[in-house]
Protein backbone atom coordinates (compact mmCIF):
# COMPACT_ATOMS: atom_id res chain seq x y z
CA MET A 1 0.66 -0.01 -0.81
CA LEU A 2 -1.04 -1.55 2.21
CA ASP A 3 -4.42 -3.21 2.33
CA ALA A 4 -5.66 -1.54 5.50
CA GLY A 5 -8.70 -3.79 5.74
CA ALA A 6 -6.69 -6.96 6.26
CA THR A 7 -7.62 -8.87 9.39
CA ASN A 8 -4.81 -9.68 11.82
CA LEU A 9 -5.10 -13.30 12.94
CA ASN A 10 -2.77 -15.67 14.73
CA LEU A 11 -2.36 -19.06 13.11
CA GLY A 12 -3.87 -20.89 16.06
CA PHE A 13 -1.27 -23.64 15.69
CA HIS A 14 2.47 -23.10 15.93
CA ARG A 15 5.11 -25.80 15.88
CA SER A 16 8.26 -25.13 17.88
CA PRO A 17 11.66 -25.02 16.14
CA ALA A 18 12.42 -28.42 17.65
CA GLN A 19 9.27 -29.90 16.12
CA VAL A 20 10.12 -28.42 12.73
CA ALA A 21 13.68 -29.76 12.89
CA ALA A 22 12.55 -33.26 13.87
CA PRO A 23 9.87 -34.46 11.44
CA SER A 24 7.04 -36.37 13.05
CA GLU A 25 6.33 -39.97 12.08
CA ASP A 26 2.84 -38.70 11.28
CA SER A 27 3.85 -35.70 9.17
CA SER A 28 0.92 -36.35 6.81
CA SER A 29 -1.50 -35.78 9.68
CA GLU A 30 0.29 -32.57 10.70
CA SER A 31 0.24 -31.36 7.10
CA THR A 32 -3.50 -31.96 6.91
CA MET A 33 -3.94 -30.12 10.19
CA MET A 34 -2.05 -27.10 8.87
CA LYS A 35 -4.12 -27.09 5.68
CA ASN A 36 -7.35 -27.24 7.69
CA ILE A 37 -6.24 -24.36 9.92
CA PHE A 38 -5.44 -22.14 6.95
CA ALA A 39 -8.63 -23.22 5.19
CA LEU A 40 -10.68 -22.24 8.23
CA ARG A 41 -9.01 -18.84 8.49
CA MET A 42 -9.59 -18.17 4.79
CA SER A 43 -13.20 -19.34 4.84
CA VAL A 44 -14.26 -16.83 7.50
CA ASN A 45 -12.20 -13.86 6.32
CA GLU A 46 -12.01 -12.12 2.97
CA ARG A 47 -8.80 -10.40 4.08
CA LEU A 48 -6.09 -12.27 5.95
CA ASN A 49 -2.89 -10.78 7.34
CA LEU A 50 -0.22 -13.42 7.98
CA SER A 51 2.72 -11.03 7.76
CA LYS A 52 5.54 -11.82 10.16
CA ASP A 53 5.14 -8.42 11.83
CA ARG A 54 1.59 -9.33 12.79
CA THR A 55 1.83 -13.01 13.65
CA LYS A 56 5.42 -12.96 15.02
CA ILE A 57 5.82 -16.32 13.26
CA ASP A 58 8.02 -16.91 10.22
CA MET A 59 6.22 -19.52 8.15
CA GLY A 60 9.29 -19.79 5.96
CA THR A 61 10.96 -21.90 8.63
CA ASP A 62 8.23 -24.53 8.55
CA PRO A 63 7.72 -26.49 5.29
CA LEU A 64 4.45 -27.98 6.56
CA ALA A 65 3.04 -24.51 7.16
CA ILE A 66 3.94 -23.42 3.64
CA SER A 67 2.48 -26.61 2.17
CA GLY A 68 -0.73 -26.24 4.17
CA LEU A 69 -1.06 -22.62 3.11
CA GLY A 70 -0.66 -23.51 -0.55
CA GLU A 71 -3.20 -26.32 -0.46
CA ALA A 72 -5.75 -24.17 1.32
CA LEU A 73 -5.24 -21.22 -1.03
CA ALA A 74 -5.62 -23.40 -4.10
CA GLU A 75 -9.05 -24.58 -2.93
CA ASN A 76 -10.33 -21.37 -1.33
CA LYS A 77 -13.20 -19.49 -2.98
CA THR A 78 -13.67 -16.50 -0.64
CA LEU A 79 -10.31 -14.86 0.19
CA VAL A 80 -9.57 -11.64 -1.70
CA SER A 81 -6.53 -10.27 0.16
CA LEU A 82 -3.49 -12.04 1.64
CA HIS A 83 -0.41 -10.59 3.36
CA LEU A 84 2.61 -12.91 3.56
CA ASP A 85 5.26 -10.18 3.79
CA GLY A 86 8.21 -10.81 6.09
CA ASN A 87 7.90 -14.58 5.95
CA LYS A 88 11.13 -15.97 4.49
CA LEU A 89 9.34 -18.21 2.03
CA GLY A 90 12.27 -18.40 -0.37
CA ASP A 91 12.00 -19.88 -3.84
CA THR A 92 10.39 -23.06 -2.54
CA GLY A 93 7.62 -21.20 -0.74
CA ALA A 94 7.10 -18.87 -3.68
CA ALA A 95 6.67 -21.91 -5.93
CA VAL A 96 4.05 -23.33 -3.59
CA VAL A 97 2.09 -20.08 -3.62
CA ALA A 98 2.51 -19.87 -7.40
CA GLU A 99 0.96 -23.31 -7.88
CA ALA A 100 -1.98 -22.22 -5.73
CA LEU A 101 -2.45 -19.08 -7.82
CA LYS A 102 -2.91 -21.23 -10.91
CA LYS A 103 -6.06 -22.66 -9.32
CA ASN A 104 -7.32 -19.82 -7.12
CA ALA A 105 -9.96 -17.61 -8.76
CA THR A 106 -10.81 -15.09 -6.02
CA LEU A 107 -7.61 -13.60 -4.59
CA THR A 108 -7.06 -10.06 -5.92
CA TYR A 109 -4.34 -8.73 -3.58
CA LEU A 110 -1.13 -10.54 -2.57
CA ASN A 111 1.81 -9.07 -0.64
CA MET A 112 4.98 -11.19 -0.69
CA SER A 113 7.49 -8.46 0.11
CA ASP A 114 10.68 -9.27 2.03
CA ALA A 115 10.17 -13.00 1.51
CA SER A 116 13.66 -14.00 0.28
CA ILE A 117 12.36 -14.75 -3.21
CA GLY A 118 15.09 -15.20 -5.82
CA ASP A 119 15.00 -15.66 -9.57
CA ALA A 120 13.57 -19.19 -9.38
CA GLY A 121 10.69 -18.01 -7.21
CA ALA A 122 10.02 -15.05 -9.50
CA LEU A 123 9.96 -17.40 -12.49
CA ALA A 124 7.41 -19.60 -10.75
CA LEU A 125 5.21 -16.61 -9.95
CA ALA A 126 5.54 -15.35 -13.51
CA ASP A 127 4.35 -18.71 -14.81
CA ALA A 128 1.36 -18.51 -12.47
CA LEU A 129 0.49 -15.01 -13.70
CA LYS A 130 0.13 -16.37 -17.23
CA GLN A 131 -2.71 -18.58 -15.98
CA ASN A 132 -4.24 -16.61 -13.12
CA SER A 133 -7.28 -14.49 -13.99
CA ALA A 134 -8.13 -12.92 -10.64
CA LEU A 135 -5.09 -11.23 -9.10
CA LYS A 136 -5.05 -7.44 -9.50
CA MET A 137 -2.14 -6.43 -7.24
CA LEU A 138 1.09 -8.31 -6.55
CA ILE A 139 3.72 -6.81 -4.25
CA LEU A 140 7.21 -8.32 -4.45
CA ASN A 141 9.25 -5.49 -2.94
CA PHE A 142 12.61 -6.10 -1.25
CA ASN A 143 13.17 -9.65 -2.40
CA GLU A 144 16.30 -11.12 -3.98
CA PHE A 145 15.54 -11.65 -7.66
CA GLY A 146 17.39 -9.93 -10.47
CA ASP A 147 17.19 -9.53 -14.23
CA ALA A 148 16.16 -13.14 -14.93
CA GLY A 149 13.21 -12.95 -12.56
CA ALA A 150 12.26 -9.50 -13.81
CA ALA A 151 12.39 -10.67 -17.44
CA ALA A 152 10.07 -13.56 -16.66
CA LEU A 153 7.64 -11.22 -14.93
CA ALA A 154 7.76 -8.90 -17.93
CA GLU A 155 6.78 -11.76 -20.23
CA ALA A 156 3.96 -12.68 -17.86
CA LEU A 157 2.61 -9.14 -17.95
CA LYS A 158 2.18 -9.43 -21.71
CA ALA A 159 -0.09 -12.44 -21.29
CA ASN A 160 -1.95 -11.61 -18.09
CA ARG A 161 -5.28 -9.81 -18.53
CA THR A 162 -6.25 -8.91 -14.96
CA LEU A 163 -3.18 -7.74 -13.00
CA GLU A 164 -3.27 -3.97 -12.53
CA ASN A 165 -0.29 -3.33 -10.25
CA LEU A 166 3.09 -5.03 -9.83
CA ASP A 167 5.55 -3.68 -7.24
CA VAL A 168 9.18 -4.85 -7.46
CA ILE A 169 11.00 -2.11 -5.56
CA GLY A 170 14.21 -3.12 -3.78
CA ASN A 171 15.19 -6.05 -6.00
CA VAL A 172 18.48 -6.25 -7.89
CA ILE A 173 17.07 -5.31 -11.28
CA GLY A 174 19.21 -3.66 -13.95
CA THR A 175 18.23 -0.76 -16.18
CA GLY A 176 17.45 -3.02 -19.13
CA ALA A 177 15.17 -5.31 -17.12
CA LYS A 178 13.36 -2.31 -15.64
CA ALA A 179 12.75 -0.97 -19.12
CA ALA A 180 11.47 -4.38 -20.21
CA LEU A 181 9.00 -4.45 -17.31
CA LYS A 182 7.66 -1.01 -18.11
CA SER A 183 7.43 -1.77 -21.81
CA ALA A 184 5.61 -5.02 -21.13
CA ALA A 185 3.17 -3.23 -18.83
CA ALA A 186 2.32 -0.73 -21.51
CA ALA A 187 1.86 -3.42 -24.18
CA SER A 188 0.14 -6.02 -22.03
CA ALA A 189 -3.01 -7.93 -22.83
CA GLY A 190 -6.10 -6.34 -21.36
CA ARG A 191 -5.63 -3.03 -19.57
CA PRO A 192 -2.16 -1.47 -19.12
CA LYS A 193 -0.46 -2.34 -15.82
CA ALA A 194 1.14 -0.07 -13.23
CA VAL A 195 4.69 -1.28 -12.52
CA ASP A 196 6.72 0.19 -9.65
CA VAL A 197 10.50 -0.20 -9.80
CA ALA A 198 13.26 1.60 -7.95
CA THR A 199 15.03 4.28 -9.99
CA GLY A 200 17.43 6.17 -7.81
CA ASP A 201 15.43 7.48 -4.90
CA CYS A 202 12.09 7.49 -6.66
CA CYS A 203 9.47 5.09 -7.82
CA CYS A 204 8.57 4.89 -11.52
CA VAL A 205 4.98 4.11 -12.33
CA VAL A 206 3.78 3.10 -15.76
CA GLN A 207 0.03 3.41 -16.34
């Protein structure tokens, strides 16, 4: 599901591959700059689209960009929708976003599809969901986590009281883990969740 209202914005600051590969002596200053850029973007927009298709920049290749994003998201009090799909954040980037979600109280929609997130990243996000009380939709389609990540997300669904939709299509999840996700959604705290998982050529939704 796409959030059609998301604003398409360029980052306004892009480090070249050479700059990323050769850390600056003043990396702390660059990190602060990245945080301030993201903070500015978030403060003036309720919906922010930083998907790779829109920005043409893969933040997953730049640790300072990921760090700045996480710090800004943790402190932001206005953003409700964020697209990060296509950025190869990996488990490290997912963990940074997860830490931010533990503190953020306004974001309701987050798309992290096709972000190279494995089991470790899914576990970090699951841990964040146990504490987060704002997020309503989390899209993790076409990542790289399997049964371990899915099991952790299932446990998180039982504790989380606000999430309404979790999409995990295109991950390497076995039949048992899919069943666990759907069972957890039906028995979750608060309202039942909608969980989308791939089953053959269709999408199963539990309400």
